[in-house]
Protein backbone atom coordinates (compact mmCIF):
# COMPACT_ATOMS: atom_id res chain seq x y z
CA MET A 1 131.34 62.64 65.63
CA PRO A 2 128.77 60.00 64.47
CA HIS A 3 126.32 61.32 61.90
CA SER A 4 123.27 60.63 64.13
CA LEU A 5 124.80 62.56 67.06
CA LEU A 6 125.78 65.41 64.76
CA MET A 7 122.20 65.65 63.50
CA PHE A 8 120.89 65.76 67.08
CA VAL A 9 123.26 68.61 68.00
CA VAL A 10 122.31 70.56 64.88
CA CYS A 11 118.57 70.05 65.48
CA ALA A 12 118.87 71.05 69.14
CA ALA A 13 120.70 74.23 68.17
CA VAL A 14 118.00 75.10 65.64
CA LEU A 15 115.21 74.46 68.12
CA GLY A 16 117.05 76.49 70.74
CA ALA A 17 116.86 79.54 68.50
CA GLY A 18 113.07 79.71 68.74
CA GLU A 19 110.82 82.75 68.93
CA ASN A 20 111.43 85.09 71.84
CA LEU A 21 108.18 85.25 73.82
CA ILE A 22 109.35 88.28 75.84
CA ARG A 23 108.58 91.63 74.28
CA ASN A 24 111.35 94.22 74.38
CA GLY A 25 113.87 91.81 75.90
CA GLY A 26 116.68 94.08 74.72
CA PHE A 27 115.24 97.12 76.56
CA GLU A 28 115.28 99.39 73.53
CA GLN A 29 111.66 100.61 73.54
CA THR A 30 109.63 102.71 75.96
CA ASP A 31 105.89 102.39 76.37
CA PRO A 32 104.20 104.89 74.00
CA ALA A 33 101.59 105.56 76.70
CA ASP A 34 104.10 106.03 79.56
CA ALA A 35 107.62 107.31 78.93
CA ALA A 36 108.66 106.21 82.46
CA ARG A 37 107.92 102.59 81.62
CA LEU A 38 109.81 100.25 79.35
CA LEU A 39 107.53 98.61 76.83
CA ALA A 40 106.22 95.31 78.28
CA TRP A 41 108.06 95.76 81.62
CA GLY A 42 107.27 97.38 84.96
CA ARG A 43 108.02 100.98 85.86
CA ILE A 44 111.63 101.86 86.67
CA ASP A 45 112.30 104.39 89.42
CA GLY A 46 115.45 105.99 87.98
CA LEU A 47 117.55 105.56 91.13
CA GLY A 48 117.81 101.92 92.12
CA ILE A 49 116.95 100.78 88.59
CA ARG A 50 118.05 102.93 85.67
CA TRP A 51 117.78 102.57 81.89
CA LEU A 52 121.19 103.52 80.45
CA ALA A 53 123.58 103.02 77.58
CA SER A 54 125.25 99.64 77.94
CA PRO A 55 128.77 99.69 79.41
CA ASP A 56 131.92 98.44 77.67
CA GLY A 57 130.85 99.75 74.28
CA ARG A 58 128.05 97.21 74.00
CA PRO A 59 125.44 98.55 71.55
CA GLY A 60 122.04 99.73 72.72
CA LYS A 61 120.73 100.13 76.24
CA ALA A 62 120.55 97.94 79.34
CA LEU A 63 119.17 98.04 82.88
CA ARG A 64 121.44 98.96 85.78
CA PHE A 65 120.39 97.83 89.26
CA ASP A 66 122.21 99.47 92.17
CA THR A 67 121.48 97.61 95.38
CA GLY A 68 123.90 99.80 97.31
CA VAL A 69 121.18 102.48 97.47
CA SER A 70 119.75 102.78 100.99
CA GLU A 71 116.30 101.52 101.91
CA LYS A 72 115.21 105.06 102.81
CA ALA A 73 116.37 106.44 99.47
CA MET A 74 114.58 103.67 97.59
CA VAL A 75 111.29 104.26 99.41
CA ALA A 76 111.54 107.97 98.61
CA SER A 77 112.29 107.21 94.96
CA TRP A 78 109.35 104.83 94.61
CA LYS A 79 107.00 107.38 96.15
CA SER A 80 108.28 110.18 93.93
CA GLN A 81 107.65 108.04 90.84
CA GLY A 82 104.23 106.84 91.99
CA ILE A 83 105.42 103.22 92.17
CA THR A 84 103.26 101.28 94.63
CA ASP A 85 104.43 97.72 93.86
CA TRP A 86 107.26 97.89 96.39
CA ASP A 87 107.73 99.17 99.93
CA VAL A 88 110.10 98.71 102.87
CA PRO A 89 108.47 98.97 106.31
CA ASP A 90 110.65 100.85 108.80
CA ALA A 91 113.23 101.64 106.10
CA SER A 92 116.81 102.03 107.32
CA ASP A 93 119.98 103.71 106.06
CA GLY A 94 121.37 100.30 105.13
CA PRO A 95 121.63 99.09 101.51
CA ILE A 96 118.51 97.63 99.91
CA GLY A 97 120.64 94.73 98.66
CA ALA A 98 121.19 93.49 102.21
CA THR A 99 117.47 92.90 102.75
CA TYR A 100 114.84 93.18 100.01
CA GLY A 101 116.91 93.62 96.86
CA LEU A 102 115.52 95.20 93.69
CA SER A 103 113.10 93.58 91.24
CA LEU A 104 111.58 94.28 87.84
CA TYR A 105 108.85 92.17 86.21
CA SER A 106 108.03 91.58 82.57
CA ASP A 107 104.46 91.61 81.36
CA ALA A 108 102.66 88.25 81.55
CA VAL A 109 103.36 85.73 78.76
CA ALA A 110 100.94 82.94 77.86
CA ILE A 111 102.46 79.45 77.86
CA ARG A 112 101.50 76.02 76.54
CA LYS A 113 100.74 73.07 78.78
CA ASP A 114 103.27 70.21 78.75
CA GLN A 115 105.93 72.41 77.19
CA ALA A 116 109.38 73.04 78.66
CA TYR A 117 110.87 76.52 78.30
CA ALA A 118 114.26 78.20 78.58
CA ILE A 119 115.13 81.65 79.87
CA GLU A 120 118.28 83.46 78.77
CA VAL A 121 119.81 86.70 80.05
CA ASP A 122 123.08 88.61 79.93
CA HIS A 123 124.37 89.83 83.31
CA ARG A 124 127.37 91.94 84.24
CA GLY A 125 128.70 93.46 87.45
CA PRO A 126 130.03 92.74 90.91
CA GLY A 127 126.53 92.70 92.41
CA GLY A 128 124.60 89.47 92.92
CA GLY A 129 121.71 88.67 90.60
CA LYS A 130 119.05 86.09 89.84
CA ILE A 131 116.51 85.53 87.14
CA TRP A 132 113.12 84.23 88.24
CA VAL A 133 110.18 82.83 86.33
CA ARG A 134 106.87 82.96 88.19
CA GLY A 135 103.81 81.07 86.97
CA TYR A 136 100.19 82.08 87.49
CA ALA A 137 96.81 80.33 87.43
CA LYS A 138 93.25 81.61 87.64
CA ARG A 139 91.80 81.51 91.14
CA GLY A 140 88.29 82.92 91.13
CA GLU A 141 88.51 86.29 89.45
CA THR A 142 92.25 86.82 89.97
CA MET A 143 95.54 85.30 88.83
CA LYS A 144 97.51 83.71 91.66
CA ARG A 145 101.18 82.77 91.69
CA VAL A 146 101.49 78.98 91.97
CA TYR A 147 104.90 78.25 90.43
CA GLU A 148 108.46 79.54 90.68
CA ALA A 149 111.76 78.73 89.02
CA GLN A 150 114.99 80.65 89.49
CA THR A 151 118.71 80.48 88.94
CA GLU A 152 121.71 82.48 90.14
CA LEU A 153 123.60 84.75 87.76
CA PRO A 154 127.40 85.00 87.85
CA SER A 155 128.99 88.05 89.48
CA ASP A 156 131.58 89.06 86.90
CA PRO A 157 132.96 92.36 85.55
CA ALA A 158 132.34 91.06 82.01
CA TRP A 159 129.01 90.23 80.41
CA LYS A 160 128.07 86.57 80.91
CA ARG A 161 125.08 84.80 79.36
CA THR A 162 123.04 82.40 81.48
CA VAL A 163 120.59 79.87 80.00
CA TYR A 164 118.19 78.04 82.31
CA ALA A 165 115.57 75.43 81.34
CA PHE A 166 112.39 74.84 83.35
CA HIS A 167 108.94 73.22 83.01
CA PRO A 168 106.13 75.30 84.52
CA THR A 169 103.32 72.75 84.01
CA ARG A 170 105.17 69.54 84.91
CA HIS A 171 103.93 69.68 88.52
CA THR A 172 101.53 72.64 88.30
CA PRO A 173 99.46 71.94 85.18
CA GLN A 174 97.08 74.79 86.00
CA VAL A 175 99.69 77.44 85.09
CA THR A 176 98.64 79.42 82.01
CA GLU A 177 101.02 82.37 82.07
CA VAL A 178 104.41 83.41 83.43
CA LYS A 179 106.29 86.58 84.24
CA VAL A 180 110.05 87.00 84.20
CA MET A 181 111.53 88.80 87.19
CA LEU A 182 115.00 90.33 87.14
CA TYR A 183 116.39 90.44 90.68
CA ALA A 184 119.54 91.98 92.16
CA TYR A 185 120.58 91.71 95.80
CA TRP A 186 123.84 90.91 97.61
CA PRO A 187 126.66 91.95 97.40
CA ALA A 188 125.14 95.43 97.35
CA GLN A 189 126.69 96.81 94.20
CA GLU A 190 125.68 97.33 90.58
CA SER A 191 124.20 94.61 88.37
CA TRP A 192 123.45 95.05 84.66
CA PHE A 193 120.83 93.06 82.72
CA ASP A 194 120.28 92.84 78.97
CA ASP A 195 118.92 90.69 76.13
CA VAL A 196 116.31 88.64 77.97
CA VAL A 197 114.90 85.73 75.96
CA LEU A 198 112.06 83.37 76.90
CA ARG A 199 111.57 80.54 74.41
CA GLU A 200 110.45 76.95 74.10
CA ALA A 201 113.28 74.68 75.26
CA ALA A 202 115.31 72.72 72.76
CA VAL A 203 115.44 68.92 72.82
CA GLY A 204 117.46 67.77 75.83
CA GLU A 205 117.75 71.16 77.56
CA LEU A 206 115.38 70.33 80.39
CA ALA A 207 116.96 66.89 80.94
CA ALA A 208 120.39 68.50 81.09
CA GLU A 209 119.17 71.04 83.63
CA ASP A 210 117.51 68.33 85.74
CA ALA A 211 120.76 66.35 85.72
CA ARG A 212 122.83 69.41 86.67
CA ARG A 213 120.64 70.14 89.67
CA LYS A 214 120.91 66.55 90.90
CA ARG A 215 124.72 66.70 91.04
């Protein structure tokens, strides 16, 4: 390998190991003020989304999403936990993964204008999953969602890491903060999530992602 190319690869790897902007991306801490809430993440209901020891002997804890739970059971679980973020009108006995899926948001993270970012996550399970990044801008007195980026996660019985580069202010320069959303849907089975990282993208990561999506 030419010396100049080697130096580029080494520098990109170093830049790619930047600071994780997501708090508690490994799901190891609860909120000191609310034991039902993971630190820096939304409330989990304990039925559709559960905080458990990681499978396969993986150290620590992870989040298990079960989209095979019925819509009616999920509505009852949300109500019992006082969760008002989600609802299913005219809930049925069918699996939640066939319609709405299950979601969990991180707390908001401030971002820099004209900076590309990368999101990383480990996913395991036969169920279908996605990772979303949603960007927000001030509109009057409230923050409004004006940007979205998302990528599919592989359905696999083994843990697989997905890395996805995006640029929230390239076309929406008004974005000042983002939230990461973990999402599980179809097929309606279990999906596990762990080790979420949001960081500034390394040199070339965004260009590589742009090229991949054009293929």
